[in-house]
Structure formats: C-alpha cells, structure tokens
Amino acid sequence: MSGKMRLALLLTACLAMALNIGILIANLSSASMAAVGGKNYQSLSQDADFRRAVQSVVEACKVNVDLAKISC
C-alpha cells in the first residue's frame, strides 16, 4: 500500500472518529421512546403486567428491564 493511500485512510478514519465524537458531545442522537396505552418507558418498566406480557411473548428468554436487554 502506498504512502498516499495510507495517509488517505488515516485521515478518513480520523474524520469519522471526530464526527462520532462531535455527535456524542452535541447529543444529536435521539433517545428511544416507548409509548403504549399512554404510558412512557418509565411507567411501562414498572408495570408488572406489561413485563409479564413481554416475557410471555419472548418465551424462554429473560428480560432485564433495567438494562433494556433480552437474553435467550
């Protein structure tokens, strides 16, 4: 690989990293929202009936509401 190509790849990688850091600092990514039956994420995460319904849908999987993860 030539020196110019390495330099171009390095500059592209640095630009991509700077762009990602800028997005994280500016917090341009939108937060995920949950809305079911007029309840927000916090209300749904504390609703025992909703948690049981989700667990029955994903059958043999474990739902960790605090981490928003499903592990099977």
PDB file of N, CA and C in Angstrom:
ATOM      1  N   MET A   1       0.859  -1.166   0.000  1.00  0.00           N
ATOM      2  CA  MET A   1       0.000   0.000   0.000  1.00  0.00           C
ATOM      3  C   MET A   1       0.909   1.234   0.000  1.00  0.00           C
ATOM      4  N   SER A   2       0.606   2.177  -0.848  1.00  0.00           N
ATOM      5  CA  SER A   2       1.454   3.366  -0.975  1.00  0.00           C
ATOM      6  C   SER A   2       1.256   4.301   0.213  1.00  0.00           C
ATOM      7  N   GLY A   3       2.186   5.189   0.386  1.00  0.00           N
ATOM      8  CA  GLY A   3       2.138   6.137   1.487  1.00  0.00           C
ATOM      9  C   GLY A   3       0.948   7.077   1.387  1.00  0.00           C
ATOM     10  N   LYS A   4       0.616   7.481   0.157  1.00  0.00           N
ATOM     11  CA  LYS A   4      -0.526   8.385  -0.026  1.00  0.00           C
ATOM     12  C   LYS A   4      -1.832   7.704   0.346  1.00  0.00           C
ATOM     13  N   MET A   5      -1.962   6.408   0.013  1.00  0.00           N
ATOM     14  CA  MET A   5      -3.185   5.682   0.340  1.00  0.00           C
ATOM     15  C   MET A   5      -3.310   5.506   1.850  1.00  0.00           C
ATOM     16  N   ARG A   6      -2.194   5.202   2.509  1.00  0.00           N
ATOM     17  CA  ARG A   6      -2.218   5.070   3.971  1.00  0.00           C
ATOM     18  C   ARG A   6      -2.626   6.386   4.618  1.00  0.00           C
ATOM     19  N   LEU A   7      -2.090   7.487   4.118  1.00  0.00           N
ATOM     20  CA  LEU A   7      -2.423   8.797   4.655  1.00  0.00           C
ATOM     21  C   LEU A   7      -3.911   9.106   4.451  1.00  0.00           C
ATOM     22  N   ALA A   8      -4.432   8.766   3.277  1.00  0.00           N
ATOM     23  CA  ALA A   8      -5.853   8.998   2.991  1.00  0.00           C
ATOM     24  C   ALA A   8      -6.733   8.164   3.919  1.00  0.00           C
ATOM     25  N   LEU A   9      -6.376   6.900   4.142  1.00  0.00           N
ATOM     26  CA  LEU A   9      -7.143   6.040   5.048  1.00  0.00           C
ATOM     27  C   LEU A   9      -7.074   6.558   6.485  1.00  0.00           C
ATOM     28  N   LEU A  10      -5.907   7.003   6.903  1.00  0.00           N
ATOM     29  CA  LEU A  10      -5.744   7.534   8.247  1.00  0.00           C
ATOM     30  C   LEU A  10      -6.575   8.800   8.427  1.00  0.00           C
ATOM     31  N   LEU A  11      -6.547   9.686   7.455  1.00  0.00           N
ATOM     32  CA  LEU A  11      -7.339  10.910   7.534  1.00  0.00           C
ATOM     33  C   LEU A  11      -8.833  10.616   7.540  1.00  0.00           C
ATOM     34  N   THR A  12      -9.271   9.646   6.736  1.00  0.00           N
ATOM     35  CA  THR A  12     -10.682   9.261   6.703  1.00  0.00           C
ATOM     36  C   THR A  12     -11.110   8.689   8.055  1.00  0.00           C
ATOM     37  N   ALA A  13     -10.276   7.842   8.642  1.00  0.00           N
ATOM     38  CA  ALA A  13     -10.592   7.262   9.944  1.00  0.00           C
ATOM     39  C   ALA A  13     -10.648   8.346  11.022  1.00  0.00           C
ATOM     40  N   CYS A  14      -9.715   9.280  10.977  1.00  0.00           N
ATOM     41  CA  CYS A  14      -9.718  10.374  11.963  1.00  0.00           C
ATOM     42  C   CYS A  14     -10.948  11.262  11.797  1.00  0.00           C
ATOM     43  N   LEU A  15     -11.332  11.529  10.564  1.00  0.00           N
ATOM     44  CA  LEU A  15     -12.519  12.345  10.308  1.00  0.00           C
ATOM     45  C   LEU A  15     -13.774  11.639  10.829  1.00  0.00           C
ATOM     46  N   ALA A  16     -13.879  10.335  10.575  1.00  0.00           N
ATOM     47  CA  ALA A  16     -15.032   9.574  11.060  1.00  0.00           C
ATOM     48  C   ALA A  16     -15.078   9.573  12.586  1.00  0.00           C
ATOM     49  N   MET A  17     -13.919   9.419  13.217  1.00  0.00           N
ATOM     50  CA  MET A  17     -13.869   9.420  14.675  1.00  0.00           C
ATOM     51  C   MET A  17     -14.248  10.802  15.220  1.00  0.00           C
ATOM     52  N   ALA A  18     -13.754  11.859  14.598  1.00  0.00           N
ATOM     53  CA  ALA A  18     -14.091  13.215  15.038  1.00  0.00           C
ATOM     54  C   ALA A  18     -15.583  13.480  14.890  1.00  0.00           C
ATOM     55  N   LEU A  19     -16.161  12.992  13.807  1.00  0.00           N
ATOM     56  CA  LEU A  19     -17.600  13.156  13.590  1.00  0.00           C
ATOM     57  C   LEU A  19     -18.392  12.425  14.668  1.00  0.00           C
ATOM     58  N   ASN A  20     -17.998  11.211  15.002  1.00  0.00           N
ATOM     59  CA  ASN A  20     -18.671  10.454  16.066  1.00  0.00           C
ATOM     60  C   ASN A  20     -18.552  11.148  17.413  1.00  0.00           C
ATOM     61  N   ILE A  21     -17.378  11.649  17.720  1.00  0.00           N
ATOM     62  CA  ILE A  21     -17.185  12.355  18.990  1.00  0.00           C
ATOM     63  C   ILE A  21     -18.035  13.618  19.022  1.00  0.00           C
ATOM     64  N   GLY A  22     -18.089  14.326  17.893  1.00  0.00           N
ATOM     65  CA  GLY A  22     -18.917  15.525  17.813  1.00  0.00           C
ATOM     66  C   GLY A  22     -20.383  15.226  18.041  1.00  0.00           C
ATOM     67  N   ILE A  23     -20.866  14.134  17.471  1.00  0.00           N
ATOM     68  CA  ILE A  23     -22.268  13.744  17.656  1.00  0.00           C
ATOM     69  C   ILE A  23     -22.526  13.382  19.117  1.00  0.00           C
ATOM     70  N   LEU A  24     -21.600  12.678  19.748  1.00  0.00           N
ATOM     71  CA  LEU A  24     -21.764  12.333  21.162  1.00  0.00           C
ATOM     72  C   LEU A  24     -21.766  13.581  22.035  1.00  0.00           C
ATOM     73  N   ILE A  25     -20.876  14.516  21.756  1.00  0.00           N
ATOM     74  CA  ILE A  25     -20.800  15.738  22.563  1.00  0.00           C
ATOM     75  C   ILE A  25     -22.048  16.581  22.374  1.00  0.00           C
ATOM     76  N   ALA A  26     -22.493  16.724  21.126  1.00  0.00           N
ATOM     77  CA  ALA A  26     -23.674  17.537  20.844  1.00  0.00           C
ATOM     78  C   ALA A  26     -24.966  16.808  21.187  1.00  0.00           C
ATOM     79  N   ASN A  27     -24.865  15.487  21.439  1.00  0.00           N
ATOM     80  CA  ASN A  27     -26.021  14.652  21.744  1.00  0.00           C
ATOM     81  C   ASN A  27     -27.098  14.789  20.671  1.00  0.00           C
ATOM     82  N   LEU A  28     -26.695  14.603  19.413  1.00  0.00           N
ATOM     83  CA  LEU A  28     -27.623  14.714  18.299  1.00  0.00           C
ATOM     84  C   LEU A  28     -28.479  13.468  18.109  1.00  0.00           C
ATOM     85  N   SER A  29     -28.064  12.374  18.714  1.00  0.00           N
ATOM     86  CA  SER A  29     -28.855  11.156  18.576  1.00  0.00           C
ATOM     87  C   SER A  29     -30.105  11.272  19.431  1.00  0.00           C
ATOM     88  N   SER A  30     -31.203  10.800  18.902  1.00  0.00           N
ATOM     89  CA  SER A  30     -32.459  10.897  19.631  1.00  0.00           C
ATOM     90  C   SER A  30     -32.630   9.706  20.567  1.00  0.00           C
ATOM     91  N   ALA A  31     -33.193   9.955  21.708  1.00  0.00           N
ATOM     92  CA  ALA A  31     -33.448   8.899  22.681  1.00  0.00           C
ATOM     93  C   ALA A  31     -34.630   8.061  22.211  1.00  0.00           C
ATOM     94  N   SER A  32     -34.572   6.788  22.507  1.00  0.00           N
ATOM     95  CA  SER A  32     -35.696   5.933  22.137  1.00  0.00           C
ATOM     96  C   SER A  32     -36.860   6.199  23.086  1.00  0.00           C
ATOM     97  N   MET A  33     -38.033   6.117  22.557  1.00  0.00           N
ATOM     98  CA  MET A  33     -39.228   6.387  23.344  1.00  0.00           C
ATOM     99  C   MET A  33     -40.164   5.177  23.271  1.00  0.00           C
ATOM    100  N   ALA A  34     -40.820   4.908  24.362  1.00  0.00           N
ATOM    101  CA  ALA A  34     -41.827   3.860  24.390  1.00  0.00           C
ATOM    102  C   ALA A  34     -43.147   4.503  24.773  1.00  0.00           C
ATOM    103  N   ALA A  35     -44.174   4.158  24.063  1.00  0.00           N
ATOM    104  CA  ALA A  35     -45.489   4.695  24.400  1.00  0.00           C
ATOM    105  C   ALA A  35     -46.537   3.638  24.074  1.00  0.00           C
ATOM    106  N   VAL A  36     -47.098   3.040  25.090  1.00  0.00           N
ATOM    107  CA  VAL A  36     -48.144   2.039  24.930  1.00  0.00           C
ATOM    108  C   VAL A  36     -49.250   2.391  25.905  1.00  0.00           C
ATOM    109  N   GLY A  37     -50.418   2.581  25.408  1.00  0.00           N
ATOM    110  CA  GLY A  37     -51.550   2.886  26.270  1.00  0.00           C
ATOM    111  C   GLY A  37     -51.369   4.173  27.059  1.00  0.00           C
ATOM    112  N   GLY A  38     -50.672   5.138  26.477  1.00  0.00           N
ATOM    113  CA  GLY A  38     -50.469   6.410  27.151  1.00  0.00           C
ATOM    114  C   GLY A  38     -49.389   6.391  28.215  1.00  0.00           C
ATOM    115  N   LYS A  39     -48.650   5.280  28.334  1.00  0.00           N
ATOM    116  CA  LYS A  39     -47.586   5.183  29.334  1.00  0.00           C
ATOM    117  C   LYS A  39     -46.234   5.402  28.664  1.00  0.00           C
ATOM    118  N   ASN A  40     -45.319   6.045  29.365  1.00  0.00           N
ATOM    119  CA  ASN A  40     -43.970   6.223  28.846  1.00  0.00           C
ATOM    120  C   ASN A  40     -43.099   5.041  29.272  1.00  0.00           C
ATOM    121  N   TYR A  41     -41.808   5.099  28.920  1.00  0.00           N
ATOM    122  CA  TYR A  41     -40.900   3.996  29.224  1.00  0.00           C
ATOM    123  C   TYR A  41     -40.852   3.713  30.723  1.00  0.00           C
ATOM    124  N   GLN A  42     -40.738   4.774  31.519  1.00  0.00           N
ATOM    125  CA  GLN A  42     -40.636   4.602  32.970  1.00  0.00           C
ATOM    126  C   GLN A  42     -41.868   3.885  33.525  1.00  0.00           C
ATOM    127  N   SER A  43     -43.048   4.293  33.083  1.00  0.00           N
ATOM    128  CA  SER A  43     -44.283   3.661  33.566  1.00  0.00           C
ATOM    129  C   SER A  43     -44.360   2.201  33.127  1.00  0.00           C
ATOM    130  N   LEU A  44     -43.983   1.941  31.862  1.00  0.00           N
ATOM    131  CA  LEU A  44     -44.029   0.563  31.364  1.00  0.00           C
ATOM    132  C   LEU A  44     -43.027  -0.325  32.083  1.00  0.00           C
ATOM    133  N   SER A  45     -41.840   0.211  32.376  1.00  0.00           N
ATOM    134  CA  SER A  45     -40.826  -0.612  33.042  1.00  0.00           C
ATOM    135  C   SER A  45     -41.236  -0.980  34.462  1.00  0.00           C
ATOM    136  N   GLN A  46     -42.128  -0.212  35.062  1.00  0.00           N
ATOM    137  CA  GLN A  46     -42.582  -0.512  36.418  1.00  0.00           C
ATOM    138  C   GLN A  46     -43.898  -1.282  36.441  1.00  0.00           C
ATOM    139  N   ASP A  47     -44.497  -1.515  35.283  1.00  0.00           N
ATOM    140  CA  ASP A  47     -45.788  -2.206  35.187  1.00  0.00           C
ATOM    141  C   ASP A  47     -45.554  -3.719  35.130  1.00  0.00           C
ATOM    142  N   ALA A  48     -45.915  -4.414  36.203  1.00  0.00           N
ATOM    143  CA  ALA A  48     -45.678  -5.861  36.294  1.00  0.00           C
ATOM    144  C   ALA A  48     -46.434  -6.628  35.214  1.00  0.00           C
ATOM    145  N   ASP A  49     -47.651  -6.212  34.897  1.00  0.00           N
ATOM    146  CA  ASP A  49     -48.430  -6.896  33.854  1.00  0.00           C
ATOM    147  C   ASP A  49     -47.760  -6.765  32.495  1.00  0.00           C
ATOM    148  N   PHE A  50     -47.249  -5.588  32.188  1.00  0.00           N
ATOM    149  CA  PHE A  50     -46.565  -5.384  30.909  1.00  0.00           C
ATOM    150  C   PHE A  50     -45.306  -6.233  30.831  1.00  0.00           C
ATOM    151  N   ARG A  51     -44.528  -6.285  31.926  1.00  0.00           N
ATOM    152  CA  ARG A  51     -43.315  -7.115  31.936  1.00  0.00           C
ATOM    153  C   ARG A  51     -43.654  -8.577  31.721  1.00  0.00           C
ATOM    154  N   ARG A  52     -44.722  -9.076  32.385  1.00  0.00           N
ATOM    155  CA  ARG A  52     -45.120 -10.479  32.198  1.00  0.00           C
ATOM    156  C   ARG A  52     -45.555 -10.728  30.764  1.00  0.00           C
ATOM    157  N   ALA A  53     -46.259  -9.780  30.162  1.00  0.00           N
ATOM    158  CA  ALA A  53     -46.700  -9.943  28.772  1.00  0.00           C
ATOM    159  C   ALA A  53     -45.502 -10.017  27.835  1.00  0.00           C
ATOM    160  N   VAL A  54     -44.526  -9.156  28.050  1.00  0.00           N
ATOM    161  CA  VAL A  54     -43.321  -9.175  27.206  1.00  0.00           C
ATOM    162  C   VAL A  54     -42.579 -10.485  27.394  1.00  0.00           C
ATOM    163  N   GLN A  55     -42.453 -10.935  28.624  1.00  0.00           N
ATOM    164  CA  GLN A  55     -41.751 -12.187  28.890  1.00  0.00           C
ATOM    165  C   GLN A  55     -42.465 -13.371  28.253  1.00  0.00           C
ATOM    166  N   SER A  56     -43.794 -13.364  28.239  1.00  0.00           N
ATOM    167  CA  SER A  56     -44.509 -14.488  27.625  1.00  0.00           C
ATOM    168  C   SER A  56     -44.349 -14.480  26.108  1.00  0.00           C
ATOM    169  N   VAL A  57     -44.188 -13.306  25.519  1.00  0.00           N
ATOM    170  CA  VAL A  57     -44.001 -13.224  24.066  1.00  0.00           C
ATOM    171  C   VAL A  57     -42.638 -13.767  23.678  1.00  0.00           C
ATOM    172  N   VAL A  58     -41.624 -13.446  24.421  1.00  0.00           N
ATOM    173  CA  VAL A  58     -40.282 -13.907  24.073  1.00  0.00           C
ATOM    174  C   VAL A  58     -39.950 -15.263  24.696  1.00  0.00           C
ATOM    175  N   GLU A  59     -40.937 -15.907  25.209  1.00  0.00           N
ATOM    176  CA  GLU A  59     -40.888 -17.272  25.741  1.00  0.00           C
ATOM    177  C   GLU A  59     -39.706 -17.542  26.656  1.00  0.00           C
ATOM    178  N   ALA A  60     -38.770 -18.344  26.237  1.00  0.00           N
ATOM    179  CA  ALA A  60     -37.718 -18.821  27.133  1.00  0.00           C
ATOM    180  C   ALA A  60     -36.595 -17.808  27.303  1.00  0.00           C
ATOM    181  N   CYS A  61     -36.866 -16.553  27.129  1.00  0.00           N
ATOM    182  CA  CYS A  61     -35.851 -15.522  27.273  1.00  0.00           C
ATOM    183  C   CYS A  61     -36.051 -14.772  28.588  1.00  0.00           C
ATOM    184  N   LYS A  62     -34.987 -14.186  29.056  1.00  0.00           N
ATOM    185  CA  LYS A  62     -35.041 -13.394  30.281  1.00  0.00           C
ATOM    186  C   LYS A  62     -34.994 -11.918  29.903  1.00  0.00           C
ATOM    187  N   VAL A  63     -35.910 -11.151  30.446  1.00  0.00           N
ATOM    188  CA  VAL A  63     -35.991  -9.727  30.152  1.00  0.00           C
ATOM    189  C   VAL A  63     -35.412  -8.956  31.333  1.00  0.00           C
ATOM    190  N   ASN A  64     -34.362  -8.181  31.065  1.00  0.00           N
ATOM    191  CA  ASN A  64     -33.774  -7.314  32.086  1.00  0.00           C
ATOM    192  C   ASN A  64     -34.226  -5.897  31.777  1.00  0.00           C
ATOM    193  N   VAL A  65     -35.244  -5.432  32.488  1.00  0.00           N
ATOM    194  CA  VAL A  65     -35.848  -4.137  32.215  1.00  0.00           C
ATOM    195  C   VAL A  65     -34.874  -3.005  32.521  1.00  0.00           C
ATOM    196  N   ASP A  66     -34.054  -3.162  33.555  1.00  0.00           N
ATOM    197  CA  ASP A  66     -33.136  -2.091  33.925  1.00  0.00           C
ATOM    198  C   ASP A  66     -32.114  -1.808  32.829  1.00  0.00           C
ATOM    199  N   LEU A  67     -31.669  -2.843  32.141  1.00  0.00           N
ATOM    200  CA  LEU A  67     -30.692  -2.676  31.065  1.00  0.00           C
ATOM    201  C   LEU A  67     -31.327  -2.661  29.688  1.00  0.00           C
ATOM    202  N   ALA A  68     -32.647  -2.835  29.617  1.00  0.00           N
ATOM    203  CA  ALA A  68     -33.375  -2.908  28.352  1.00  0.00           C
ATOM    204  C   ALA A  68     -32.762  -3.988  27.458  1.00  0.00           C
ATOM    205  N   LYS A  69     -32.531  -5.161  28.015  1.00  0.00           N
ATOM    206  CA  LYS A  69     -31.924  -6.274  27.276  1.00  0.00           C
ATOM    207  C   LYS A  69     -32.794  -7.516  27.401  1.00  0.00           C
ATOM    208  N   ILE A  70     -32.771  -8.317  26.335  1.00  0.00           N
ATOM    209  CA  ILE A  70     -33.440  -9.617  26.324  1.00  0.00           C
ATOM    210  C   ILE A  70     -32.352 -10.650  26.064  1.00  0.00           C
ATOM    211  N   SER A  71     -32.187 -11.589  26.989  1.00  0.00           N
ATOM    212  CA  SER A  71     -31.183 -12.632  26.772  1.00  0.00           C
ATOM    213  C   SER A  71     -31.860 -13.989  26.714  1.00  0.00           C
ATOM    214  N   CYS A  72     -31.533 -14.731  25.685  1.00  0.00           N
ATOM    215  CA  CYS A  72     -32.138 -16.045  25.463  1.00  0.00           C
ATOM    216  C   CYS A  72     -31.133 -17.158  25.684  1.00  0.00           C
TER     217      CYS A  72
END
